[in-house]
Protein backbone atom coordinates (compact mmCIF):
# COMPACT_ATOMS: atom_id res chain seq x y z
CA MET A 1 207.09 25.65 -56.47
CA THR A 2 204.99 28.52 -57.27
CA ARG A 3 201.26 27.98 -56.01
CA TYR A 4 198.50 29.62 -57.79
CA VAL A 5 195.52 30.68 -55.15
CA LEU A 6 192.25 31.11 -56.68
CA PRO A 7 190.93 34.54 -55.66
CA LEU A 8 188.24 34.04 -52.97
CA PHE A 9 185.22 35.38 -55.04
CA LEU A 10 186.13 32.91 -57.79
CA ALA A 11 186.47 29.73 -55.59
CA ALA A 12 183.27 30.44 -53.92
CA ALA A 13 181.61 30.12 -57.44
CA LEU A 14 182.93 26.61 -57.99
CA VAL A 15 181.28 25.31 -54.59
CA VAL A 16 178.02 23.59 -55.46
CA PRO A 17 175.43 23.26 -52.24
CA ALA A 18 174.37 20.20 -51.17
CA TRP A 19 170.71 21.47 -51.63
CA ALA A 20 170.81 22.60 -55.26
CA ASP A 21 169.36 18.84 -56.42
CA ASP A 22 166.47 19.92 -53.77
CA VAL A 23 165.29 23.19 -55.96
CA PRO A 24 162.60 21.98 -58.14
CA SER A 25 162.44 22.87 -61.68
CA PRO A 26 160.07 25.95 -63.11
CA THR A 27 156.44 24.46 -63.69
CA PRO A 28 155.93 25.10 -67.56
CA LYS A 29 152.84 27.24 -68.43
CA PRO A 30 150.16 25.53 -70.01
CA ALA A 31 149.64 26.15 -73.45
CA GLU A 32 147.10 28.85 -74.26
CA LYS A 33 143.90 28.14 -75.97
CA PRO A 34 142.96 30.27 -79.30
CA ALA A 35 140.16 32.45 -78.39
CA GLU A 36 137.13 31.17 -79.99
CA LYS A 37 135.15 33.45 -82.19
CA PRO A 38 131.66 34.58 -80.90
CA ALA A 39 128.74 33.11 -82.64
CA GLU A 40 127.85 34.81 -85.82
CA LYS A 41 124.50 36.12 -85.22
CA PRO A 42 121.42 35.39 -88.24
CA ASP A 43 120.71 38.22 -90.28
CA ALA A 44 117.70 40.02 -89.06
CA THR A 45 117.11 41.74 -92.54
CA PRO A 46 114.36 39.86 -94.61
CA PRO A 47 115.22 38.83 -97.94
CA LYS A 48 114.33 41.08 -100.65
CA ALA A 49 112.23 40.49 -104.14
CA GLU A 50 114.67 40.09 -106.95
CA LEU A 51 114.10 40.13 -110.68
CA ASP A 52 113.99 37.28 -112.49
CA LYS A 53 113.99 35.19 -109.02
CA LYS A 54 111.27 33.82 -106.97
CA ALA A 55 110.14 36.18 -104.76
CA PRO A 56 110.93 34.98 -100.62
CA PRO A 57 107.55 33.84 -98.90
CA ILE A 58 105.27 36.61 -98.66
CA VAL A 59 102.18 36.21 -96.09
CA MET A 60 99.61 39.00 -95.00
CA SER A 61 95.87 39.27 -93.71
CA ASP A 62 93.48 41.70 -95.68
CA THR A 63 91.60 43.72 -93.87
CA ALA A 64 88.75 41.12 -93.63
CA GLY A 65 91.01 39.17 -91.75
CA ARG A 66 91.47 36.72 -94.69
CA SER A 67 95.20 35.61 -95.66
CA PHE A 68 97.06 35.37 -98.87
CA GLU A 69 100.35 33.64 -99.19
CA LEU A 70 101.87 34.57 -102.73
CA HIS A 71 103.13 30.96 -103.38
CA ASP A 72 100.12 29.04 -101.97
CA CYS A 73 96.95 30.85 -103.50
CA PRO A 74 95.84 28.60 -106.16
CA ILE A 75 92.12 29.10 -107.87
CA VAL A 76 90.55 25.74 -107.51
CA ARG A 77 87.59 25.66 -109.42
CA LYS A 78 85.04 24.02 -107.26
CA ASP A 79 86.09 26.50 -104.89
CA ALA A 80 84.66 29.17 -107.47
CA GLU A 81 81.56 27.68 -108.27
CA ALA A 82 80.52 27.37 -104.84
CA VAL A 83 81.33 31.17 -104.61
CA VAL A 84 79.28 31.82 -107.32
CA LEU A 85 76.29 29.93 -106.25
CA THR A 86 76.37 31.20 -102.89
CA THR A 87 76.58 34.91 -104.10
CA ALA A 88 73.82 34.44 -106.88
CA LYS A 89 71.65 33.67 -104.01
CA LYS A 90 72.51 37.40 -102.80
CA PHE A 91 70.98 38.56 -106.10
CA GLY A 92 68.20 36.88 -106.45
CA ALA A 93 69.10 32.95 -107.88
CA ALA A 94 66.65 30.37 -106.33
CA LYS A 95 68.25 28.23 -103.77
CA ASP A 96 68.85 25.14 -106.26
CA ALA A 97 69.93 27.30 -109.04
CA LYS A 98 73.01 25.62 -110.98
CA LEU A 99 75.58 27.11 -112.95
CA ASP A 100 73.77 27.34 -116.38
CA VAL A 101 71.09 30.26 -114.99
CA LYS A 102 71.57 33.40 -116.99
CA ILE A 103 72.76 36.28 -115.12
CA ALA A 104 69.98 38.40 -117.05
CA ALA A 105 67.62 36.39 -115.46
CA LEU A 106 68.43 37.45 -111.73
CA THR A 107 66.62 39.85 -110.32
CA GLY A 108 69.31 41.14 -108.53
CA VAL A 109 71.40 42.80 -111.70
CA LYS A 110 67.56 44.26 -113.33
CA ASP A 111 66.69 48.36 -113.15
CA GLU A 112 63.36 49.54 -111.36
CA ASP A 113 61.84 49.02 -114.80
CA GLY A 114 63.28 45.41 -114.82
CA ASP A 115 65.63 45.82 -117.55
CA LEU A 116 69.24 44.45 -116.83
CA ASP A 117 71.54 47.02 -115.01
CA GLU A 118 75.38 46.77 -116.07
CA ALA A 119 76.55 47.89 -113.13
CA LYS A 120 74.72 45.81 -111.09
CA VAL A 121 76.20 42.73 -113.46
CA LYS A 122 79.40 44.13 -112.55
CA ASP A 123 78.57 44.30 -109.16
CA LEU A 124 77.92 40.59 -109.10
CA ALA A 125 81.36 40.01 -110.76
CA VAL A 126 82.88 42.00 -108.11
CA ALA A 127 81.44 39.89 -105.49
CA CYS A 128 82.32 36.87 -106.95
CA GLY A 129 85.79 37.51 -107.79
CA GLU A 130 87.16 39.62 -105.01
CA SER A 131 87.98 37.08 -102.49
CA PHE A 132 90.44 35.51 -105.70
CA GLY A 133 91.95 39.09 -106.41
CA LEU A 134 90.00 39.47 -109.09
CA THR A 135 87.83 43.24 -109.98
CA ALA A 136 85.66 44.22 -112.99
CA THR A 137 84.12 46.82 -114.61
CA GLU A 138 81.00 47.45 -116.34
CA GLU A 139 82.88 46.84 -119.83
CA SER A 140 84.93 43.42 -118.65
CA ALA A 141 81.38 42.18 -117.00
CA ALA A 142 79.47 42.60 -120.18
CA SER A 143 80.97 39.54 -121.94
CA LEU A 144 79.15 37.35 -118.64
CA LYS A 145 76.30 35.84 -119.70
CA THR A 146 75.57 32.67 -117.52
CA LEU A 147 76.85 31.76 -113.89
CA LYS A 148 79.30 29.29 -115.47
CA ASP A 149 80.74 32.18 -117.71
CA VAL A 150 81.59 33.98 -113.71
CA VAL A 151 83.10 30.47 -112.85
CA ASP A 152 85.10 30.31 -116.18
CA TRP A 153 86.30 33.98 -115.50
CA ILE A 154 87.36 33.18 -111.66
CA ALA A 155 89.15 29.76 -113.04
CA ASN A 156 90.97 31.15 -116.04
CA ALA A 157 92.74 33.55 -113.46
CA ASN A 158 94.88 30.84 -112.08
CA LYS A 159 97.19 31.58 -115.05
CA ALA A 160 97.32 35.13 -114.81
CA PRO A 161 99.89 37.31 -112.99
CA ILE A 162 99.86 38.13 -109.81
CA LEU A 163 99.99 41.80 -109.07
CA LEU A 164 101.03 43.34 -105.59
CA MET A 165 100.68 47.68 -105.06
CA THR A 166 101.92 49.43 -102.76
CA TRP A 167 99.31 51.68 -102.04
CA SER A 168 97.69 54.35 -99.78
CA PRO A 169 94.47 56.23 -99.72
CA ARG A 170 95.94 59.93 -98.81
CA CYS A 171 98.18 59.37 -102.13
CA PRO A 172 97.43 62.03 -104.40
CA THR A 173 99.49 59.62 -107.50
CA SER A 174 96.82 56.58 -106.34
CA LYS A 175 93.89 58.59 -106.37
CA LYS A 176 94.69 60.10 -110.04
CA LEU A 177 95.63 56.59 -111.18
CA ASN A 178 93.00 54.94 -109.71
CA ASP A 179 90.20 54.41 -112.71
CA ARG A 180 93.06 53.44 -115.26
CA ILE A 181 94.86 50.84 -112.63
CA VAL A 182 91.03 49.26 -112.18
CA GLU A 183 90.37 49.19 -115.98
CA LEU A 184 93.39 47.99 -116.89
CA ILE A 185 93.30 45.03 -114.11
CA ALA A 186 89.80 44.42 -114.85
CA ALA A 187 90.53 44.20 -118.69
CA LYS A 188 93.34 42.30 -118.74
CA ASN A 189 92.19 39.51 -116.14
CA VAL A 190 95.15 40.14 -113.57
CA ARG A 191 94.83 38.96 -109.95
CA ILE A 192 95.45 42.54 -107.77
CA TYR A 193 96.29 42.81 -103.85
CA ALA A 194 96.80 46.41 -102.98
CA VAL A 195 99.61 46.75 -100.12
CA ALA A 196 98.42 49.28 -97.77
CA CYS A 197 101.96 50.63 -96.73
CA ASN A 198 101.20 53.88 -94.87
CA THR A 199 101.56 53.73 -91.31
CA ARG A 200 99.01 56.71 -90.62
CA ASP A 201 96.08 54.75 -92.65
CA THR A 202 93.29 53.23 -90.90
CA ASP A 203 90.64 50.67 -92.03
CA GLU A 204 88.22 53.91 -92.37
CA SER A 205 90.33 55.36 -94.71
CA TYR A 206 90.78 52.23 -96.56
CA ALA A 207 86.69 51.86 -96.62
CA GLN A 208 86.10 55.74 -97.52
CA PHE A 209 88.52 55.71 -100.51
CA GLN A 210 86.97 52.31 -101.69
CA GLU A 211 83.36 53.93 -101.90
CA ALA A 212 84.54 57.36 -103.11
CA PHE A 213 86.97 55.59 -105.44
CA ASP A 214 85.10 52.61 -106.40
CA PHE A 215 88.24 50.85 -105.60
CA GLU A 216 86.69 47.03 -105.33
CA VAL A 217 90.33 45.44 -104.60
CA ARG A 218 91.36 43.39 -101.27
CA ILE A 219 93.73 45.41 -99.39
CA PHE A 220 96.57 43.92 -97.23
CA PRO A 221 97.36 46.61 -94.39
CA ASP A 222 101.29 46.82 -94.05
CA ARG A 223 101.73 49.66 -91.39
CA GLU A 224 104.88 47.93 -89.99
CA GLN A 225 106.11 47.76 -93.83
CA LYS A 226 107.38 44.41 -93.50
CA VAL A 227 105.83 43.03 -97.12
CA THR A 228 107.02 46.68 -98.45
CA ASP A 229 110.49 46.19 -97.71
CA ILE A 230 110.63 42.42 -98.81
CA LEU A 231 109.06 44.15 -102.06
CA GLY A 232 111.64 46.89 -102.17
CA GLY A 233 108.31 49.41 -102.51
CA LYS A 234 109.71 52.91 -102.90
CA THR A 235 106.77 55.14 -103.15
CA THR A 236 102.54 54.73 -103.55
CA PRO A 237 101.42 53.46 -106.06
CA HIS A 238 104.31 50.98 -106.80
CA PHE A 239 103.95 48.03 -108.92
CA PHE A 240 105.43 44.47 -108.74
CA LEU A 241 104.08 41.48 -111.02
CA PHE A 242 104.89 38.26 -110.12
CA ASP A 243 104.22 35.40 -112.65
CA PRO A 244 101.74 32.39 -111.81
CA LYS A 245 104.67 30.50 -110.02
CA GLY A 246 105.67 33.36 -108.18
CA THR A 247 108.96 34.75 -110.33
CA LEU A 248 109.23 38.81 -109.98
CA ARG A 249 109.16 39.84 -113.49
CA TYR A 250 108.50 43.71 -113.43
CA LYS A 251 108.31 46.66 -110.71
CA GLY A 252 107.91 50.23 -111.21
CA GLY A 253 105.42 52.34 -112.47
CA LEU A 254 101.92 52.15 -114.51
CA ASP A 255 103.36 53.99 -117.49
CA ASN A 256 105.58 57.18 -118.44
CA ASP A 257 102.68 59.21 -118.07
CA PRO A 258 101.21 59.56 -114.53
CA MET A 259 99.49 62.88 -114.87
CA GLY A 260 97.73 61.80 -118.12
CA TYR A 261 98.56 64.66 -120.27
CA MET A 262 100.07 62.44 -123.27
CA GLU A 263 98.47 61.32 -126.50
CA ASP A 264 98.28 57.64 -126.97
CA ASP A 265 100.64 57.24 -129.80
CA GLU A 266 103.29 58.71 -126.88
CA ARG A 267 102.22 57.00 -123.89
CA LYS A 268 104.76 53.95 -123.01
CA ASP A 269 102.30 51.54 -121.23
CA HIS A 270 104.81 49.77 -118.87
CA LEU A 271 102.57 47.73 -116.87
CA LYS A 272 100.16 46.87 -119.52
CA ASP A 273 103.15 45.43 -122.08
CA ALA A 274 104.70 43.39 -118.84
CA ILE A 275 101.73 41.81 -118.29
CA ASP A 276 100.84 41.04 -121.86
CA ALA A 277 104.27 39.53 -121.76
CA VAL A 278 103.68 37.00 -118.95
CA PHE A 279 100.39 35.89 -120.36
CA ALA A 280 102.40 35.39 -123.61
CA GLY A 281 104.87 33.32 -121.78
CA GLY A 282 107.95 35.22 -123.14
CA ASP A 283 110.58 37.63 -121.35
CA VAL A 284 109.79 40.97 -120.26
CA ALA A 285 111.56 43.93 -122.47
CA VAL A 286 111.10 46.54 -120.22
CA LYS A 287 111.65 44.81 -116.65
CA GLU A 288 111.85 47.71 -114.22
CA THR A 289 110.78 51.33 -114.33
CA VAL A 290 110.59 54.60 -111.82
CA PRO A 291 106.99 54.87 -110.64
CA ALA A 292 105.60 57.83 -109.81
CA GLY A 293 103.91 59.55 -106.54
């Protein structure tokens, strides 16, 4: 009988060592956790004012340290009465003066001959309205006959548009347009606040400009340009017109004639037209223009 002999190496492979069952199974690796996404950092970019939308919060302080908040600046009639009566005393009103006092009877609005001085009447109006964002000219103040008229003038501005203007006392365009700006704002009884955005300007330079150009408007230093960035100010002067609810209705220039060369029928009064539209409760036809500066 024929025997088949397995090769030695094959026979060895068939022998299972006794210690084979004692070899531990490899420990399975734990499942890897998905990498966690880093927490998103909040956007540090301040929100921007957009046309036909309610503006983001705008809070600032003027050169006298008085604060202003765009969305919280109502004019309360009792406050207006208190300011007018206090201011009138500085112009010669009696301590117990009432609102029916005639402005012409105040000694502080008369010239050396005892006649009514229209410039001093304007000064009275400016002193009363300045804290409320109002300014005046001799022409606009001429209609004020009693202290009650001054209170009415201030109180009625509660429904007026609010104008923020990026501005600088060193800006040639601000100087050139100053009279036209003040005349328009005073005639329309709009509340105006100057945002002084030039980093090199000082409180002293603001005061010098106000005296030299009869610029009797509240000035709000914005040397870090935080408010200017929210508004989107590009130059000086750059106008931003809000309705009483704080919605941005117009941004741009005063008109299309910053140098004052055009005839009246050629000039397009963009800011004036926007103010009229807001007062009328209608839509502003031209919402944005390129400011000169």
